[in-house]
Amino acid sequence: MDRIEPLFPRYLFLQIDTGRQSLTPVRSTVGVTDIVRFGADYATVLDEIVQELMNRAEPETGLHRLRKPLFERGVHVRVSEGPFSGLEGVFECCEGEERVLILLEVLGRQTRVRISIDQVVPVFAS
């Protein structure tokens, strides 16, 4: 079963000239908490990146098809690199195309950890 979910949850991309256009309508929009910024500067996304996202969308729907998850929920996995390298856990879900959520036992507690999908390998029963 396919499900539809936002590619960038709770984010809206605007093309605006802040020197000539007011951000007041954006700030007063229901659901808008804040505008992403770094210090006093508004965050920007290169036009090329936005264009590439638009190019990858299905022309009829505007949706993006994400690849099928490598693992099913509940599968035992091992972290192959990074700070959790060698730890085994349980796969919960994919978060986008590049990150996964797994349950690891850390300091005696089950902890949800988000890591790169490239750092997870299946654990095969022996």
Protein backbone atom coordinates (compact mmCIF):
# COMPACT_ATOMS: atom_id res chain seq x y z
CA MET A 1 0.00 0.00 0.00
CA ASP A 2 1.36 3.41 -0.96
CA ARG A 3 1.16 6.24 1.48
CA ILE A 4 1.64 9.92 0.92
CA GLU A 5 3.78 11.95 3.30
CA PRO A 6 5.63 15.23 2.97
CA LEU A 7 9.17 15.17 1.59
CA PHE A 8 10.09 18.07 3.89
CA PRO A 9 7.57 18.02 6.75
CA ARG A 10 6.49 21.46 7.98
CA TYR A 11 8.74 23.32 5.51
CA LEU A 12 7.65 25.68 2.76
CA PHE A 13 10.02 27.01 0.13
CA LEU A 14 9.51 30.64 -0.90
CA GLN A 15 11.07 32.67 -3.64
CA ILE A 16 11.02 36.18 -2.28
CA ASP A 17 13.04 39.38 -2.46
CA THR A 18 13.23 40.36 1.21
CA GLY A 19 14.37 43.85 0.22
CA ARG A 20 11.12 44.48 -1.68
CA GLN A 21 8.58 42.02 -0.34
CA SER A 22 7.28 41.66 3.20
CA LEU A 23 7.40 38.36 5.08
CA THR A 24 4.45 39.44 7.25
CA PRO A 25 1.90 37.34 5.31
CA VAL A 26 4.14 34.29 5.76
CA ARG A 27 4.63 34.89 9.49
CA SER A 28 0.89 35.34 10.02
CA THR A 29 -0.01 32.11 8.18
CA VAL A 30 -1.62 29.51 10.43
CA GLY A 31 0.88 26.74 11.15
CA VAL A 32 4.00 28.83 10.51
CA THR A 33 6.19 28.87 13.61
CA ASP A 34 9.20 30.70 12.28
CA ILE A 35 11.40 31.26 9.26
CA VAL A 36 14.63 29.29 9.08
CA ARG A 37 17.63 31.54 9.50
CA PHE A 38 21.27 31.45 10.45
CA GLY A 39 21.78 34.36 12.81
CA ALA A 40 20.21 37.35 11.09
CA ASP A 41 20.38 35.80 7.61
CA TYR A 42 17.45 33.88 6.15
CA ALA A 43 18.33 30.36 5.02
CA THR A 44 18.45 29.96 1.27
CA VAL A 45 18.27 26.95 -1.02
CA LEU A 46 20.01 27.14 -4.36
CA ASP A 47 17.68 27.39 -7.35
CA GLU A 48 19.44 24.33 -8.83
CA ILE A 49 18.42 22.20 -5.85
CA VAL A 50 14.79 23.29 -6.02
CA GLN A 51 14.80 22.66 -9.78
CA GLU A 52 16.26 19.16 -9.27
CA LEU A 53 13.53 18.36 -6.73
CA MET A 54 10.93 19.54 -9.23
CA ASN A 55 12.56 17.47 -12.00
CA ARG A 56 12.42 14.30 -9.88
CA ALA A 57 8.72 14.71 -9.14
CA GLU A 58 6.18 12.74 -11.14
CA PRO A 59 4.81 15.11 -13.79
CA GLU A 60 1.16 14.11 -13.27
CA THR A 61 1.03 14.32 -9.49
CA GLY A 62 4.06 16.32 -8.34
CA LEU A 63 4.82 13.49 -5.91
CA HIS A 64 8.18 11.80 -5.36
CA ARG A 65 8.39 8.00 -5.30
CA LEU A 66 10.85 6.90 -2.67
CA ARG A 67 12.62 3.61 -3.10
CA LYS A 68 11.21 0.62 -1.25
CA PRO A 69 12.76 0.16 2.21
CA LEU A 70 15.65 -2.27 2.38
CA PHE A 71 14.30 -3.69 5.64
CA GLU A 72 10.91 -4.56 7.03
CA ARG A 73 9.85 -3.26 10.44
CA GLY A 74 11.11 -5.56 13.21
CA VAL A 75 14.12 -6.93 11.28
CA HIS A 76 17.32 -7.25 13.33
CA VAL A 77 20.10 -5.02 12.03
CA ARG A 78 23.69 -4.15 12.92
CA VAL A 79 25.28 -0.70 12.72
CA SER A 80 28.33 -1.07 10.47
CA GLU A 81 30.07 2.26 11.09
CA GLY A 82 29.95 5.45 13.11
CA PRO A 83 29.62 5.94 16.86
CA PHE A 84 27.19 2.99 17.23
CA SER A 85 29.32 0.63 15.12
CA GLY A 86 28.86 -3.02 16.09
CA LEU A 87 25.63 -2.51 18.03
CA GLU A 88 22.62 -4.56 17.01
CA GLY A 89 19.08 -3.27 17.05
CA VAL A 90 15.67 -3.50 15.48
CA PHE A 91 14.68 -1.65 12.32
CA GLU A 92 11.65 0.62 12.79
CA CYS A 93 11.29 2.68 9.61
CA CYS A 94 12.90 4.76 6.89
CA GLU A 95 12.94 8.52 7.30
CA GLY A 96 13.28 9.77 3.77
CA GLU A 97 15.66 8.12 1.34
CA GLU A 98 18.86 8.45 3.34
CA ARG A 99 18.05 7.93 7.03
CA VAL A 100 16.51 5.14 9.10
CA LEU A 101 15.13 4.88 12.60
CA ILE A 102 16.31 1.88 14.60
CA LEU A 103 15.91 0.76 18.20
CA LEU A 104 19.23 0.24 19.97
CA GLU A 105 19.91 -0.75 23.54
CA VAL A 106 22.04 2.11 24.86
CA LEU A 107 22.99 2.23 28.55
CA GLY A 108 20.41 -0.44 29.36
CA ARG A 109 17.50 1.33 27.64
CA GLN A 110 15.79 0.96 24.28
CA THR A 111 16.62 4.16 22.41
CA ARG A 112 15.42 5.32 18.99
CA VAL A 113 18.40 6.36 16.87
CA ARG A 114 18.35 8.04 13.46
CA ILE A 115 21.33 7.14 11.29
CA SER A 116 22.32 6.94 7.65
CA ILE A 117 20.81 4.00 5.79
CA ASP A 118 24.35 3.24 4.56
CA GLN A 119 25.40 2.43 8.15
CA VAL A 120 22.89 -0.42 8.63
CA VAL A 121 23.24 -4.05 7.56
CA PRO A 122 20.92 -6.99 8.21
CA VAL A 123 21.76 -9.53 10.91
CA PHE A 124 21.42 -13.05 9.55
CA ALA A 125 20.42 -15.84 11.95
CA SER A 126 23.15 -18.47 12.28
